Amino acid sequence: MTARLSHLARLESEAIHILREAVADARKPVMLFSAGKDSTVLAHLALRAFYPGRPPFPLLHIDSTWEFRSLLDFRDAFAREHGFELIVHANEDGRAAGLNPFDHGDRYTLEMRTEPLKAALDQGGYDIIFGGARRDEEKSRAKERVFSVRSAGHVWEPRQQRPELWNIYNTRLGKDQSARVFPLSNWTETDVWTYVLVHDIALAPLYFAAPRPVVERGGGLIVVDDEPRMRLRAGETVDTKTVRFRTLGCWPVTAAVESDATDLRSVVQETLAAKGSERQGRISDGEDGGSLEQKKREGYF
């Protein structure tokens, strides 16, 4: 009698199959790496998928220039430890012009995240772009196929995506097309944390509770990661609270949560008890009345 795979083993097997299937037909693949928990798990899956060889693609990080400093340290250490080529791309003109999330809202996301991503993909000539997005994160991501086709200019049109009946993937690309491939599509936040726990995967320290300087803003707690660049509003003060993150983005627009979870087991227990979406911490998702879906249509990951 054939033994049944556990839920987590089935998800791992599916993700590894997707990685291998995409690489088999790719001309030049790349994996986006934010150093967050999802992209870290995805990179570990790639290591397993192509063992004993190395994954046949580099890691690409789009540096918005407002990243958490400890996250950048983790990114560099991870790439060194596992033998990945790491490509870092940033909009240096935007950096020089002082574009920032305090003053420029959606323009900042477009010019410091979306446009540099598209430029890096064009410069690298990548046709298959792996990412760690999951369908349970946000309603627009629930519309994504595993193989999400992008037309010229990296434009995403939900109504033109291909069917994936019975997990059969169409990897063929036309002229000027590329594909964003999401091997973690069917995973949940709890699945990711459980996989991290089972395989004892090291994650960025920001996911674990520690005393950190914070400002209360818009009902959230903003960690002051770079004090000289922080913009305090009238009446705001910096206090120290024990917090951690469920999701990570640019530090001025990503809210932390108060927590006592300092290790993997307590983080998993806290995640199981959580009632809100992890994406609620991404203040930038709805800046200036915009939406994540609109950002995705423009080329945002």
Protein backbone atom coordinates (compact mmCIF):
# COMPACT_ATOMS: atom_id res chain seq x y z
CA MET A 1 0.00 0.00 0.00
CA THR A 2 1.37 3.41 -0.99
CA ALA A 3 1.90 5.73 1.99
CA ARG A 4 0.02 9.01 1.87
CA LEU A 5 1.98 12.22 1.94
CA SER A 6 1.27 14.64 4.75
CA HIS A 7 -0.30 18.01 3.92
CA LEU A 8 3.07 19.74 4.22
CA ALA A 9 4.87 17.08 2.17
CA ARG A 10 2.27 17.47 -0.61
CA LEU A 11 2.80 21.23 -0.70
CA GLU A 12 6.57 20.74 -0.80
CA SER A 13 6.27 18.19 -3.60
CA GLU A 14 4.00 20.50 -5.62
CA ALA A 15 6.38 23.46 -5.19
CA ILE A 16 9.40 21.40 -6.25
CA HIS A 17 7.49 20.11 -9.28
CA ILE A 18 6.61 23.70 -10.28
CA LEU A 19 10.22 24.83 -9.90
CA ARG A 20 11.52 21.98 -12.06
CA GLU A 21 8.75 22.33 -14.64
CA ALA A 22 9.44 26.04 -15.08
CA VAL A 23 13.21 25.65 -15.29
CA ALA A 24 12.86 22.86 -17.86
CA ASP A 25 11.33 25.31 -20.35
CA ALA A 26 13.02 28.51 -19.20
CA ARG A 27 15.54 30.33 -21.30
CA LYS A 28 16.83 32.49 -18.44
CA PRO A 29 15.12 32.14 -15.03
CA VAL A 30 15.57 34.26 -11.91
CA MET A 31 14.16 34.16 -8.37
CA LEU A 32 13.04 37.31 -6.61
CA PHE A 33 14.38 37.43 -3.07
CA SER A 34 13.15 39.98 -0.55
CA ALA A 35 14.70 38.09 2.42
CA GLY A 36 11.19 37.78 3.88
CA LYS A 37 9.87 34.46 5.18
CA ASP A 38 8.12 33.43 1.93
CA SER A 39 11.07 34.10 -0.35
CA THR A 40 13.40 32.43 2.16
CA VAL A 41 11.25 29.28 2.19
CA LEU A 42 11.05 29.39 -1.61
CA ALA A 43 14.84 29.62 -1.89
CA HIS A 44 15.18 26.62 0.45
CA LEU A 45 12.75 24.68 -1.74
CA ALA A 46 14.90 25.54 -4.76
CA LEU A 47 17.94 24.17 -2.95
CA ARG A 48 16.05 20.90 -2.38
CA ALA A 49 14.63 20.81 -5.91
CA PHE A 50 18.02 20.90 -7.62
CA TYR A 51 20.20 19.14 -5.03
CA PRO A 52 23.04 18.11 -5.23
CA GLY A 53 23.57 20.83 -7.84
CA ARG A 54 22.90 24.50 -7.23
CA PRO A 55 19.67 26.12 -8.40
CA PRO A 56 20.24 27.27 -12.01
CA PHE A 57 19.29 30.88 -11.43
CA PRO A 58 20.38 33.90 -9.36
CA LEU A 59 18.50 35.71 -6.62
CA LEU A 60 17.30 39.21 -7.49
CA HIS A 61 16.56 41.81 -4.81
CA ILE A 62 14.98 45.18 -5.59
CA ASP A 63 16.33 47.58 -2.99
CA SER A 64 13.84 50.39 -2.42
CA THR A 65 16.57 52.19 -0.39
CA TRP A 66 14.18 52.11 2.60
CA GLU A 67 14.76 48.48 3.58
CA PHE A 68 15.28 47.32 7.17
CA ARG A 69 19.02 47.22 7.78
CA SER A 70 18.93 43.82 9.50
CA LEU A 71 17.00 42.44 6.52
CA LEU A 72 19.79 43.47 4.16
CA ASP A 73 22.33 41.80 6.46
CA PHE A 74 20.25 38.61 6.44
CA ARG A 75 19.90 38.77 2.63
CA ASP A 76 23.65 38.96 2.09
CA ALA A 77 24.43 36.24 4.65
CA PHE A 78 21.82 33.90 3.17
CA ALA A 79 23.21 34.22 -0.36
CA ARG A 80 26.78 33.62 0.85
CA GLU A 81 25.87 30.62 2.99
CA HIS A 82 23.93 28.83 0.26
CA GLY A 83 26.09 29.76 -2.72
CA PHE A 84 23.52 31.86 -4.58
CA GLU A 85 24.53 34.61 -6.96
CA LEU A 86 22.82 37.73 -5.59
CA ILE A 87 21.85 40.59 -7.89
CA VAL A 88 20.76 43.84 -6.21
CA HIS A 89 19.08 46.53 -8.26
CA ALA A 90 17.91 49.99 -7.18
CA ASN A 91 16.68 53.18 -8.80
CA GLU A 92 19.74 55.31 -8.12
CA ASP A 93 18.20 58.35 -9.79
CA GLY A 94 15.22 58.09 -7.45
CA ARG A 95 17.54 57.72 -4.50
CA ALA A 96 19.46 60.84 -5.55
CA ALA A 97 16.18 62.73 -6.03
CA GLY A 98 15.14 61.85 -2.47
CA LEU A 99 12.02 59.82 -3.33
CA ASN A 100 10.65 58.48 -0.07
CA PRO A 101 7.51 56.83 1.36
CA PHE A 102 6.74 59.80 3.62
CA ASP A 103 6.25 62.38 0.87
CA HIS A 104 5.62 60.47 -2.34
CA GLY A 105 3.16 57.63 -1.60
CA ASP A 106 2.24 55.61 -4.67
CA ARG A 107 4.83 57.44 -6.76
CA TYR A 108 7.49 56.06 -4.42
CA THR A 109 6.20 52.47 -4.86
CA LEU A 110 6.06 52.89 -8.63
CA GLU A 111 9.48 54.48 -9.07
CA MET A 112 11.44 52.71 -6.33
CA ARG A 113 9.93 49.22 -6.55
CA THR A 114 7.91 48.61 -9.73
CA GLU A 115 10.06 50.42 -12.29
CA PRO A 116 13.39 49.11 -10.93
CA LEU A 117 11.97 45.58 -11.00
CA LYS A 118 10.93 45.93 -14.63
CA ALA A 119 14.29 47.49 -15.50
CA ALA A 120 16.22 44.68 -13.79
CA LEU A 121 14.17 42.01 -15.57
CA ASP A 122 14.70 43.72 -18.94
CA GLN A 123 18.42 44.15 -18.36
CA GLY A 124 18.78 40.52 -17.34
CA GLY A 125 16.60 39.24 -20.17
CA TYR A 126 14.71 36.96 -17.76
CA ASP A 127 11.71 35.03 -19.04
CA ILE A 128 10.74 33.03 -15.93
CA ILE A 129 10.60 34.99 -12.68
CA PHE A 130 9.97 32.99 -9.50
CA GLY A 131 8.29 34.69 -6.56
CA GLY A 132 7.01 33.74 -3.14
CA ALA A 133 3.50 35.25 -3.35
CA ARG A 134 0.64 33.19 -1.94
CA ARG A 135 -3.06 33.31 -2.86
CA ASP A 136 -4.19 33.69 0.75
CA GLU A 137 -2.29 36.94 1.25
CA GLU A 138 -4.62 39.36 -0.52
CA LYS A 139 -7.69 39.22 -2.79
CA SER A 140 -5.87 40.30 -5.97
CA ARG A 141 -3.26 37.60 -5.43
CA ALA A 142 -6.05 35.03 -5.23
CA LYS A 143 -6.64 35.74 -8.96
CA GLU A 144 -3.11 34.73 -9.89
CA ARG A 145 -2.32 31.55 -11.76
CA VAL A 146 0.74 29.57 -10.72
CA PHE A 147 2.21 30.51 -14.11
CA SER A 148 1.11 34.13 -14.41
CA VAL A 149 1.79 35.44 -17.91
CA ARG A 150 2.94 39.03 -18.37
CA SER A 151 2.70 40.79 -21.71
CA ALA A 152 5.12 43.38 -23.14
CA GLY A 153 6.10 45.91 -20.49
CA HIS A 154 5.41 43.32 -17.75
CA VAL A 155 1.71 44.16 -17.75
CA TRP A 156 -0.64 41.79 -15.89
CA GLU A 157 -4.18 41.30 -17.21
CA PRO A 158 -6.19 38.91 -14.98
CA ARG A 159 -8.77 38.11 -17.68
CA GLN A 160 -6.12 36.87 -20.08
CA GLN A 161 -4.55 34.28 -17.79
CA ARG A 162 -4.44 30.65 -18.87
CA PRO A 163 -6.44 27.84 -17.24
CA GLU A 164 -4.50 25.40 -15.05
CA LEU A 165 -6.91 22.49 -14.82
CA TRP A 166 -5.61 19.43 -12.95
CA ASN A 167 -2.38 21.32 -12.22
CA ILE A 168 -1.28 21.19 -15.84
CA TYR A 169 0.83 24.25 -16.59
CA ASN A 170 1.29 25.91 -19.96
CA THR A 171 4.85 27.20 -19.88
CA ARG A 172 5.03 28.41 -23.48
CA LEU A 173 5.64 32.12 -23.93
CA GLY A 174 5.01 34.31 -26.96
CA LYS A 175 7.06 37.23 -28.20
CA ASP A 176 7.75 39.81 -25.48
CA GLN A 177 5.98 37.67 -22.88
CA SER A 178 7.39 36.57 -19.53
CA ALA A 179 5.92 34.56 -16.67
CA ARG A 180 5.83 35.20 -12.95
CA VAL A 181 5.80 31.75 -11.36
CA PHE A 182 4.49 31.25 -7.82
CA PRO A 183 5.34 27.80 -6.37
CA LEU A 184 3.85 28.77 -2.98
CA SER A 185 0.47 29.72 -4.44
CA ASN A 186 -1.45 27.09 -2.45
CA TRP A 187 0.39 27.62 0.82
CA THR A 188 -1.04 29.58 3.75
CA GLU A 189 0.80 31.70 6.28
CA THR A 190 0.46 28.83 8.75
CA ASP A 191 1.88 26.36 6.20
CA VAL A 192 4.93 28.57 5.71
CA TRP A 193 5.58 28.90 9.42
CA THR A 194 5.02 25.18 10.02
CA TYR A 195 7.48 24.34 7.23
CA VAL A 196 10.02 26.72 8.76
CA LEU A 197 9.52 25.01 12.13
CA VAL A 198 9.77 21.44 10.78
CA HIS A 199 12.93 22.18 8.76
CA ASP A 200 14.44 24.62 11.29
CA ILE A 201 14.94 27.33 8.67
CA ALA A 202 16.69 30.48 9.83
CA LEU A 203 14.68 33.65 9.17
CA ALA A 204 15.32 37.36 9.44
CA PRO A 205 15.28 38.43 13.12
CA LEU A 206 12.47 40.95 12.53
CA TYR A 207 9.96 38.08 12.57
CA PHE A 208 10.69 37.46 16.24
CA ALA A 209 9.65 39.68 19.14
CA ALA A 210 12.22 42.05 20.63
CA PRO A 211 12.21 45.51 22.22
CA ARG A 212 12.26 48.01 19.35
CA PRO A 213 11.74 51.80 19.03
CA VAL A 214 8.27 52.46 17.60
CA VAL A 215 5.92 55.27 16.70
CA GLU A 216 2.14 54.79 16.83
CA ARG A 217 0.69 55.92 13.51
CA GLY A 218 -2.65 55.18 11.85
CA GLY A 219 -3.45 52.44 14.32
CA GLY A 220 -0.15 50.67 13.65
CA LEU A 221 3.31 50.54 15.16
CA ILE A 222 6.10 51.78 12.89
CA VAL A 223 9.57 50.66 13.93
CA VAL A 224 12.07 53.52 13.65
CA ASP A 225 14.79 51.62 11.83
CA ASP A 226 16.82 54.64 10.73
CA GLU A 227 16.32 57.51 13.18
CA PRO A 228 17.97 60.28 11.10
CA ARG A 229 15.56 59.59 8.22
CA MET A 230 12.40 59.19 10.33
CA ARG A 231 9.73 61.90 9.89
CA LEU A 232 7.85 62.45 13.14
CA ARG A 233 4.47 64.15 12.97
CA ALA A 234 3.21 66.69 15.49
CA GLY A 235 2.53 65.00 18.82
CA GLU A 236 4.32 61.76 17.96
CA THR A 237 6.93 60.29 20.27
CA VAL A 238 9.26 57.31 19.97
CA ASP A 239 8.66 54.62 22.58
CA THR A 240 10.12 51.17 23.09
CA LYS A 241 7.75 48.21 22.73
CA THR A 242 8.24 44.47 22.32
CA VAL A 243 7.10 43.84 18.74
CA ARG A 244 7.63 41.60 15.74
CA PHE A 245 6.50 41.56 12.09
CA ARG A 246 4.16 39.21 10.24
CA THR A 247 5.08 40.77 6.90
CA LEU A 248 8.02 42.89 5.81
CA GLY A 249 8.22 45.80 3.39
CA CYS A 250 9.76 49.28 3.51
CA TRP A 251 10.19 50.15 7.16
CA PRO A 252 8.30 53.50 7.23
CA VAL A 253 5.11 51.87 5.86
CA THR A 254 5.15 48.41 7.46
CA ALA A 255 3.44 48.01 10.81
CA ALA A 256 4.71 45.71 13.55
CA VAL A 257 2.52 43.88 16.07
CA GLU A 258 3.01 43.69 19.81
CA SER A 259 4.09 40.18 20.68
CA ASP A 260 5.99 37.99 23.13
CA ALA A 261 6.78 35.35 20.47
CA THR A 262 10.57 35.10 20.50
CA ASP A 263 11.01 31.62 19.00
CA LEU A 264 9.57 29.59 16.13
CA ARG A 265 7.10 27.57 18.20
CA SER A 266 5.56 30.61 19.84
CA VAL A 267 5.35 32.39 16.46
CA VAL A 268 3.46 29.42 14.98
CA GLN A 269 1.08 29.36 17.96
CA GLU A 270 0.48 33.10 17.63
CA THR A 271 -0.13 32.76 13.88
CA LEU A 272 -2.74 30.02 14.43
CA ALA A 273 -4.60 32.28 16.85
CA ALA A 274 -4.46 35.42 14.65
CA LYS A 275 -7.76 36.70 13.25
CA GLY A 276 -6.52 39.38 10.82
CA SER A 277 -4.56 39.07 7.59
CA GLU A 278 -0.78 39.41 7.73
CA ARG A 279 -1.06 41.85 4.80
CA GLN A 280 -2.82 44.34 7.08
CA GLY A 281 0.66 45.39 8.15
CA ARG A 282 1.45 46.65 4.64
CA ILE A 283 0.26 50.24 4.90
CA SER A 284 1.55 50.90 1.39
CA ASP A 285 -0.97 48.52 -0.23
CA GLY A 286 -3.67 51.16 -0.20
CA GLU A 287 -1.71 54.38 -0.42
CA ASP A 288 -3.33 57.34 -2.13
CA GLY A 289 -6.50 55.34 -2.75
CA GLY A 290 -4.62 52.84 -4.88
CA SER A 291 -4.81 49.07 -4.63
CA LEU A 292 -2.41 46.17 -4.81
CA GLU A 293 -4.20 44.94 -7.93
CA GLN A 294 -3.57 48.23 -9.73
CA LYS A 295 0.09 48.08 -8.71
CA LYS A 296 0.28 44.53 -10.06
CA ARG A 297 -1.23 45.62 -13.38
CA GLU A 298 1.59 48.18 -13.65
CA GLY A 299 4.23 45.50 -13.12
CA TYR A 300 4.56 45.32 -9.31
CA PHE A 301 5.17 41.81 -8.14
